[in-house]
Amino acid sequence: MASGVVTIEPVTTHAQVRSFIMFPFELYRSDPNWVPPLINERFKHFDPKRNPFYEYASTQLYLAKRDGKLVGTIAAIDNPKHQEVWGENIGFWGEFETINDNEVSSALFDAARAWLRSRGREVMRGPMNMNINEEIGLLIEGYDGPPVLMMTYNPPYYQDLIERYGFAKAKDVYAFKIDLDYLGPHMENLPAQVMGAAAIAESRYHVRIRHLNPKEFDKEVELIKPIYRKAWQANWGALPMTDAEFGVLAENLKTMADWDVTYLAFIDDEPIGAFIAVPDFCQVALHLGGRLLPFGWINYLRYKPRIKGMRVLIMGVLEEHRLKGVEALFYREGFKQALSKGIEWGEMSWILEDNYKVMRGVEKVGGKKYRSYRLYDLPVGA
């Protein structure tokens, strides 16, 4: 039995932020599948001066301690934009990490719940780190390997702790895995239906695609913005990115993107779709210990050529052009390029559990659901 009372501390100092950031390094020390985040990126994530999310939202971080030892963390998140867009009086929670102890997890949820109640929220939803355009959901199925870039990871016992507190499922999202080697070196095993749809996109609708140009990247981002905002605006919980948030995404893409596996689609001169895949740098981050300096670069350069997977981070087509085979064209060309670069598999994620059209399309090219993530709701109460 654990001894000592669990105490909750609101994070107010730089030292507490560091403790918050470093706690997972201790919690997951013996877990071979946990991927250490870059510590300096974590500090940016929680810094209101460097993370544009804080321009319209606010958070309160909490530490849970027992006998002076840190045993858990959580963030309470108030994002007024969600109510503006969806008309739901909902607050959020995330950055949840804890030892396997119901008393600790309950104390953390109590703290987040009280803070959200004080801000007039009626429901708390999570986990969300920190909003729907970042990492979301609790891993509930598929613990057999490291997470893919920008996807969550957690121990199986989190699900029990969350559901024992009273949270109920709000929505599941899925990750699909595609064995690219199966398609064959010349894409001969890509289904005829997909190849036919791609050909129709080109011949009947005159769709043309090209790679993003890194030398004109700022201009390319301006073409992607309206596609990103319109293509996903009807999806459950979707929120439009601000220009400042797009700026952060663009800087990350500049660093991570493989330009050979990025595309813009056009009809005439109108941009109608975007496809952006990124190498799964989690396969490198596993070996960096959270730091690029002073010696992390050595491991980065050593392991980067060994990356064998990619994540399709963005694939969107404007609604009025979705039955013209554009997605099939993206699949045909994107997978062909990935195979030529030695990529063996791809992850399509995340996909809403009721987005049947997208799931059927992924399944047509050989994708199989292999991981599930869950978001939970709980009334905040009086």
Protein backbone atom coordinates (compact mmCIF):
# COMPACT_ATOMS: atom_id res chain seq x y z
CA MET A 1 0.00 0.00 0.00
CA ALA A 2 1.21 3.50 -0.84
CA SER A 3 1.81 5.72 2.16
CA GLY A 4 1.36 9.44 2.53
CA VAL A 5 -1.27 11.90 1.40
CA VAL A 6 -1.37 13.00 -2.23
CA THR A 7 -0.92 16.75 -2.56
CA ILE A 8 -1.60 18.82 -5.69
CA GLU A 9 0.56 21.80 -6.63
CA PRO A 10 -0.39 24.31 -9.33
CA VAL A 11 2.59 25.00 -11.56
CA THR A 12 3.71 28.61 -11.24
CA THR A 13 7.51 28.58 -11.53
CA HIS A 14 10.10 27.63 -14.13
CA ALA A 15 11.43 24.94 -11.81
CA GLN A 16 7.96 23.38 -11.59
CA VAL A 17 7.62 23.45 -15.38
CA ARG A 18 10.91 21.57 -15.62
CA SER A 19 9.64 18.99 -13.12
CA PHE A 20 6.44 18.66 -15.16
CA ILE A 21 8.43 18.08 -18.35
CA MET A 22 10.93 15.67 -16.87
CA PHE A 23 8.46 13.45 -14.96
CA PRO A 24 7.73 11.15 -17.96
CA PHE A 25 11.47 10.45 -18.31
CA GLU A 26 11.34 8.80 -14.89
CA LEU A 27 7.90 7.22 -15.34
CA TYR A 28 8.79 5.50 -18.61
CA ARG A 29 12.42 4.74 -17.78
CA SER A 30 11.98 0.99 -18.25
CA ASP A 31 9.47 1.13 -21.14
CA PRO A 32 11.26 0.32 -24.43
CA ASN A 33 8.38 1.72 -26.52
CA TRP A 34 8.30 5.21 -25.01
CA VAL A 35 9.84 7.89 -27.22
CA PRO A 36 11.47 10.74 -25.27
CA PRO A 37 10.33 14.14 -26.54
CA LEU A 38 12.91 16.82 -27.22
CA ILE A 39 13.14 18.71 -23.94
CA ASN A 40 13.63 22.13 -25.52
CA GLU A 41 10.49 21.56 -27.62
CA ARG A 42 8.56 20.76 -24.45
CA PHE A 43 9.59 24.08 -22.94
CA LYS A 44 8.35 25.88 -26.08
CA HIS A 45 5.09 23.92 -25.88
CA PHE A 46 4.33 25.24 -22.39
CA ASP A 47 5.64 28.78 -22.93
CA PRO A 48 2.87 31.36 -23.56
CA LYS A 49 5.42 33.60 -25.29
CA ARG A 50 6.42 30.93 -27.83
CA ASN A 51 3.28 28.81 -28.31
CA PRO A 52 0.55 30.68 -30.26
CA PHE A 53 -2.11 28.44 -28.74
CA TYR A 54 -1.93 30.69 -25.68
CA GLU A 55 -3.00 33.69 -27.73
CA TYR A 56 -6.61 32.57 -27.34
CA ALA A 57 -6.54 29.75 -24.75
CA SER A 58 -5.34 29.33 -21.19
CA THR A 59 -4.07 26.41 -19.15
CA GLN A 60 -3.19 25.43 -15.63
CA LEU A 61 -0.62 22.71 -15.05
CA TYR A 62 -0.63 20.61 -11.88
CA LEU A 63 1.87 18.36 -10.13
CA ALA A 64 0.82 15.50 -7.84
CA LYS A 65 3.21 14.62 -5.03
CA ARG A 66 3.33 12.04 -2.29
CA ASP A 67 5.90 12.22 0.51
CA GLY A 68 7.66 14.94 -1.49
CA LYS A 69 8.05 12.74 -4.59
CA LEU A 70 6.47 13.66 -7.92
CA VAL A 71 3.94 10.99 -8.90
CA GLY A 72 1.73 12.61 -11.57
CA THR A 73 0.92 15.55 -13.85
CA ILE A 74 -2.10 17.01 -15.63
CA ALA A 75 -3.05 20.14 -17.57
CA ALA A 76 -6.46 21.80 -17.36
CA ILE A 77 -7.16 23.61 -20.63
CA ASP A 78 -9.71 26.31 -21.41
CA ASN A 79 -10.09 26.82 -25.16
CA PRO A 80 -12.90 29.34 -25.85
CA LYS A 81 -12.51 28.76 -29.60
CA HIS A 82 -14.19 25.35 -29.24
CA GLN A 83 -17.37 26.94 -27.87
CA GLU A 84 -17.28 29.61 -30.59
CA VAL A 85 -17.07 27.01 -33.36
CA TRP A 86 -19.13 24.15 -31.95
CA GLY A 87 -21.42 25.80 -29.39
CA GLU A 88 -20.37 23.32 -26.69
CA ASN A 89 -19.43 24.51 -23.21
CA ILE A 90 -16.47 22.17 -22.92
CA GLY A 91 -13.08 22.43 -21.22
CA PHE A 92 -10.21 20.04 -21.76
CA TRP A 93 -7.51 18.12 -19.96
CA GLY A 94 -4.27 16.60 -21.14
CA GLU A 95 -0.56 16.08 -20.47
CA PHE A 96 -1.77 13.38 -18.09
CA GLU A 97 0.94 11.14 -16.65
CA THR A 98 0.76 9.15 -13.44
CA ILE A 99 1.97 6.15 -11.54
CA ASN A 100 -0.50 3.28 -11.37
CA ASP A 101 -2.43 4.63 -8.40
CA ASN A 102 -6.12 5.55 -8.35
CA GLU A 103 -5.65 8.04 -5.50
CA VAL A 104 -3.09 9.98 -7.53
CA SER A 105 -5.09 10.02 -10.76
CA SER A 106 -8.28 11.00 -8.93
CA ALA A 107 -6.53 13.90 -7.21
CA LEU A 108 -5.23 15.12 -10.56
CA PHE A 109 -8.67 14.90 -12.16
CA ASP A 110 -10.22 16.65 -9.16
CA ALA A 111 -7.82 19.56 -9.60
CA ALA A 112 -8.42 19.92 -13.34
CA ARG A 113 -12.15 19.56 -12.83
CA ALA A 114 -12.28 22.28 -10.17
CA TRP A 115 -10.28 24.68 -12.35
CA LEU A 116 -12.55 24.13 -15.34
CA ARG A 117 -15.63 24.52 -13.13
CA SER A 118 -14.27 27.85 -11.87
CA ARG A 119 -14.12 28.98 -15.50
CA GLY A 120 -17.74 28.05 -16.10
CA ARG A 121 -17.17 24.90 -18.17
CA GLU A 122 -19.80 22.16 -18.01
CA VAL A 123 -17.89 19.18 -19.43
CA MET A 124 -14.22 18.17 -19.41
CA ARG A 125 -12.85 16.31 -22.45
CA GLY A 126 -9.50 14.67 -22.98
CA PRO A 127 -6.78 13.73 -23.20
CA MET A 128 -5.72 16.54 -25.49
CA ASN A 129 -2.15 17.87 -25.64
CA MET A 130 -3.13 20.76 -25.91
CA ASN A 131 -5.69 21.00 -28.71
CA ILE A 132 -7.19 18.93 -31.50
CA ASN A 133 -4.54 20.07 -33.96
CA GLU A 134 -1.84 18.45 -31.82
CA GLU A 135 -1.59 15.07 -30.05
CA ILE A 136 -4.95 13.72 -28.92
CA GLY A 137 -6.48 10.63 -27.41
CA LEU A 138 -5.56 7.83 -25.04
CA LEU A 139 -3.96 4.78 -26.63
CA ILE A 140 -6.33 1.89 -25.88
CA GLU A 141 -5.29 -0.65 -28.52
CA GLY A 142 -1.89 -1.34 -30.11
CA TYR A 143 0.78 -1.26 -27.41
CA ASP A 144 3.18 -3.47 -29.37
CA GLY A 145 5.65 -0.82 -30.49
CA PRO A 146 6.72 2.81 -30.27
CA PRO A 147 4.26 5.52 -31.34
CA VAL A 148 4.56 7.16 -34.73
CA LEU A 149 5.47 10.83 -34.96
CA MET A 150 2.96 13.14 -33.21
CA MET A 151 0.83 10.26 -31.93
CA THR A 152 0.29 9.54 -28.24
CA TYR A 153 1.61 6.70 -26.11
CA ASN A 154 0.69 5.63 -22.58
CA PRO A 155 0.65 2.55 -20.34
CA PRO A 156 -2.43 0.27 -20.54
CA TYR A 157 -3.38 1.04 -16.93
CA TYR A 158 -4.33 4.63 -17.82
CA GLN A 159 -7.60 3.41 -19.33
CA ASP A 160 -8.65 1.80 -16.05
CA LEU A 161 -7.75 4.87 -14.00
CA ILE A 162 -9.68 7.20 -16.32
CA GLU A 163 -12.79 5.03 -16.53
CA ARG A 164 -12.83 4.34 -12.78
CA TYR A 165 -13.01 8.08 -12.23
CA GLY A 166 -16.23 8.15 -14.28
CA PHE A 167 -15.16 9.29 -17.73
CA ALA A 168 -17.21 7.96 -20.65
CA LYS A 169 -16.18 7.57 -24.26
CA ALA A 170 -16.71 10.64 -26.43
CA LYS A 171 -15.00 9.50 -29.63
CA ASP A 172 -12.41 7.01 -30.87
CA VAL A 173 -9.84 7.76 -33.55
CA TYR A 174 -7.87 5.14 -35.46
CA ALA A 175 -4.46 4.63 -37.00
CA PHE A 176 -4.07 2.47 -40.09
CA LYS A 177 -0.85 0.81 -41.22
CA ILE A 178 0.01 0.11 -44.84
CA ASP A 179 2.67 -2.41 -45.85
CA LEU A 180 4.23 -0.60 -48.80
CA ASP A 181 6.46 -3.54 -49.73
CA TYR A 182 3.29 -5.48 -50.47
CA LEU A 183 2.45 -3.06 -53.28
CA GLY A 184 5.47 -4.26 -55.23
CA PRO A 185 8.42 -2.31 -56.65
CA HIS A 186 6.35 -1.10 -59.59
CA MET A 187 3.07 -0.69 -57.69
CA GLU A 188 1.74 -3.78 -59.46
CA ASN A 189 -0.30 -4.79 -56.40
CA LEU A 190 -2.02 -1.44 -55.96
CA PRO A 191 -5.68 -2.32 -56.61
CA ALA A 192 -6.90 -1.74 -60.14
CA GLN A 193 -9.76 0.36 -58.78
CA VAL A 194 -7.27 2.80 -57.26
CA MET A 195 -5.11 2.91 -60.38
CA GLY A 196 -8.23 3.49 -62.48
CA ALA A 197 -9.47 6.32 -60.25
CA ALA A 198 -6.05 7.99 -60.42
CA ALA A 199 -6.08 7.76 -64.22
CA ILE A 200 -9.59 9.28 -64.36
CA ALA A 201 -8.43 12.18 -62.16
CA GLU A 202 -5.76 12.96 -64.73
CA SER A 203 -7.64 12.29 -67.98
CA ARG A 204 -11.20 13.35 -67.22
CA TYR A 205 -10.75 16.06 -64.59
CA HIS A 206 -7.30 17.23 -65.65
CA VAL A 207 -5.93 17.05 -62.12
CA ARG A 208 -2.22 17.65 -61.94
CA ILE A 209 -0.04 17.26 -58.90
CA ARG A 210 3.41 18.52 -58.04
CA HIS A 211 5.79 18.44 -55.11
CA LEU A 212 5.94 21.32 -52.66
CA ASN A 213 8.83 23.63 -53.45
CA PRO A 214 11.01 24.18 -50.36
CA LYS A 215 12.57 27.26 -51.96
CA GLU A 216 9.12 28.87 -52.14
CA PHE A 217 7.86 27.38 -48.91
CA ASP A 218 6.13 30.47 -47.53
CA LYS A 219 4.10 30.75 -50.73
CA GLU A 220 3.31 27.02 -50.64
CA VAL A 221 1.99 27.36 -47.08
CA GLU A 222 -0.41 30.06 -48.26
CA LEU A 223 -1.80 27.58 -50.81
CA ILE A 224 -2.18 24.86 -48.15
CA LYS A 225 -3.96 27.05 -45.58
CA PRO A 226 -7.40 27.27 -47.25
CA ILE A 227 -7.31 23.56 -48.13
CA TYR A 228 -6.49 22.61 -44.55
CA ARG A 229 -9.15 24.89 -43.10
CA LYS A 230 -11.94 23.89 -45.49
CA ALA A 231 -11.23 20.17 -45.93
CA TRP A 232 -11.53 19.36 -42.23
CA GLN A 233 -13.93 22.04 -40.99
CA ALA A 234 -16.89 19.65 -40.68
CA ASN A 235 -14.93 16.97 -38.81
CA TRP A 236 -15.87 16.34 -35.20
CA GLY A 237 -14.13 18.85 -32.93
CA ALA A 238 -12.12 20.47 -35.73
CA LEU A 239 -10.83 23.98 -35.07
CA PRO A 240 -9.24 26.31 -37.62
CA MET A 241 -5.57 27.10 -37.09
CA THR A 242 -4.55 30.71 -36.69
CA ASP A 243 -1.87 32.11 -38.97
CA ALA A 244 0.56 31.98 -36.06
CA GLU A 245 -0.20 28.29 -35.48
CA PHE A 246 0.27 27.62 -39.17
CA GLY A 247 3.63 29.32 -38.83
CA VAL A 248 4.69 26.83 -36.17
CA LEU A 249 3.42 23.90 -38.26
CA ALA A 250 5.28 25.26 -41.28
CA GLU A 251 8.54 25.53 -39.36
CA ASN A 252 8.17 21.95 -38.16
CA LEU A 253 7.41 20.74 -41.69
CA LYS A 254 10.48 22.55 -42.98
CA THR A 255 12.53 20.44 -40.60
CA MET A 256 10.70 17.13 -40.97
CA ALA A 257 9.19 16.91 -44.44
CA ASP A 258 10.56 14.73 -47.19
CA TRP A 259 9.81 16.95 -50.17
CA ASP A 260 9.62 13.96 -52.52
CA VAL A 261 6.55 12.75 -50.62
CA THR A 262 4.68 16.07 -50.49
CA TYR A 263 2.15 17.14 -53.10
CA LEU A 264 -0.27 19.86 -54.04
CA ALA A 265 -3.12 19.01 -56.43
CA PHE A 266 -4.53 21.50 -58.94
CA ILE A 267 -7.35 21.79 -61.44
CA ASP A 268 -6.34 24.53 -63.80
CA ASP A 269 -4.51 26.87 -61.41
CA GLU A 270 -6.75 26.26 -58.40
CA PRO A 271 -5.19 24.31 -55.51
CA ILE A 272 -7.71 21.63 -54.49
CA GLY A 273 -5.78 19.17 -52.33
CA ALA A 274 -2.65 18.53 -50.30
CA PHE A 275 -0.71 15.42 -49.36
CA ILE A 276 2.16 15.65 -46.89
CA ALA A 277 3.98 12.64 -45.49
CA VAL A 278 6.81 12.86 -42.97
CA PRO A 279 9.41 10.26 -42.04
CA ASP A 280 8.72 8.64 -38.69
CA PHE A 281 11.38 10.47 -36.71
CA CYS A 282 10.25 8.62 -33.60
CA GLN A 283 12.56 5.87 -34.85
CA VAL A 284 15.42 8.35 -34.34
CA ALA A 285 14.09 10.08 -31.21
CA LEU A 286 14.15 6.74 -29.39
CA HIS A 287 17.94 7.10 -29.31
CA LEU A 288 18.29 10.81 -28.45
CA GLY A 289 17.26 10.82 -24.79
CA GLY A 290 15.34 14.06 -25.29
CA ARG A 291 18.39 16.08 -26.34
CA LEU A 292 20.02 16.99 -29.63
CA LEU A 293 22.92 18.69 -27.85
CA PRO A 294 25.73 18.13 -27.22
CA PHE A 295 25.89 14.59 -28.64
CA GLY A 296 22.34 13.88 -29.79
CA TRP A 297 23.20 15.00 -33.32
CA ILE A 298 25.55 12.05 -33.61
CA ASN A 299 22.73 9.61 -32.96
CA TYR A 300 20.40 11.66 -35.15
CA LEU A 301 22.72 11.35 -38.14
CA ARG A 302 23.40 7.72 -37.33
CA TYR A 303 19.79 6.58 -37.14
CA LYS A 304 18.06 8.88 -39.66
CA PRO A 305 19.03 6.69 -42.68
CA ARG A 306 17.47 3.71 -40.91
CA ILE A 307 13.96 5.19 -40.84
CA LYS A 308 11.66 2.67 -42.53
CA GLY A 309 8.26 4.24 -41.86
CA MET A 310 6.37 7.41 -42.60
CA ARG A 311 3.22 9.07 -41.39
CA VAL A 312 0.76 10.70 -43.76
CA LEU A 313 0.27 13.84 -41.72
CA ILE A 314 -1.99 15.75 -44.10
CA MET A 315 -4.19 14.42 -46.87
CA GLY A 316 -7.10 16.64 -47.72
CA VAL A 317 -9.18 17.45 -50.77
CA LEU A 318 -11.75 20.23 -51.00
CA GLU A 319 -15.25 18.75 -50.67
CA GLU A 320 -16.41 19.74 -54.15
CA HIS A 321 -13.52 17.75 -55.67
CA ARG A 322 -13.68 14.58 -53.57
CA LEU A 323 -15.20 12.26 -56.17
CA LYS A 324 -12.65 12.95 -58.87
CA GLY A 325 -9.95 10.44 -57.91
CA VAL A 326 -7.57 13.00 -56.36
CA GLU A 327 -6.98 10.84 -53.28
CA ALA A 328 -6.15 7.84 -55.49
CA LEU A 329 -3.65 9.98 -57.38
CA PHE A 330 -2.01 10.99 -54.10
CA TYR A 331 -1.79 7.34 -53.03
CA ARG A 332 -0.31 6.19 -56.34
CA GLU A 333 2.38 8.85 -56.54
CA GLY A 334 3.10 9.18 -52.82
CA PHE A 335 3.55 5.47 -52.24
CA LYS A 336 5.66 5.12 -55.39
CA GLN A 337 8.03 7.81 -54.12
CA ALA A 338 8.16 6.31 -50.62
CA LEU A 339 9.05 2.87 -51.99
CA SER A 340 11.83 4.36 -54.12
CA LYS A 341 13.35 5.82 -50.95
CA GLY A 342 13.35 2.53 -49.03
CA ILE A 343 10.26 3.25 -46.92
CA GLU A 344 8.61 -0.05 -45.99
CA TRP A 345 5.39 1.05 -44.30
CA GLY A 346 3.15 4.04 -43.83
CA GLU A 347 0.73 5.12 -41.13
CA MET A 348 -2.49 6.95 -41.96
CA SER A 349 -3.59 8.71 -38.80
CA TRP A 350 -5.61 9.82 -37.15
CA ILE A 351 -9.02 8.98 -38.62
CA LEU A 352 -12.33 9.46 -36.83
CA GLU A 353 -14.14 6.19 -36.06
CA ASP A 354 -17.18 7.31 -38.08
CA ASN A 355 -15.28 8.69 -41.07
CA TYR A 356 -16.21 5.65 -43.11
CA LYS A 357 -15.35 7.10 -46.52
CA VAL A 358 -11.75 7.77 -45.56
CA MET A 359 -11.41 4.41 -43.81
CA ARG A 360 -12.74 2.52 -46.83
CA GLY A 361 -10.32 4.42 -49.06
CA VAL A 362 -7.37 3.51 -46.84
CA GLU A 363 -8.48 -0.12 -46.75
CA LYS A 364 -8.61 -0.20 -50.56
CA VAL A 365 -4.87 0.50 -50.71
CA GLY A 366 -4.11 -2.20 -48.14
CA GLY A 367 -4.40 -0.24 -44.90
CA LYS A 368 -5.30 -2.15 -41.75
CA LYS A 369 -6.46 -0.61 -38.48
CA TYR A 370 -3.81 -1.39 -35.89
CA ARG A 371 -4.17 1.25 -33.17
CA SER A 372 -7.10 2.95 -31.45
CA TYR A 373 -7.17 6.10 -29.35
CA ARG A 374 -10.03 7.36 -27.19
CA LEU A 375 -11.27 10.75 -26.05
CA TYR A 376 -13.40 10.91 -22.93
CA ASP A 377 -16.05 13.26 -21.53
CA LEU A 378 -17.17 13.89 -17.97
CA PRO A 379 -19.63 16.48 -16.63
CA VAL A 380 -17.78 18.97 -14.46
CA GLY A 381 -20.64 19.03 -11.95
CA ALA A 382 -21.70 21.58 -9.39
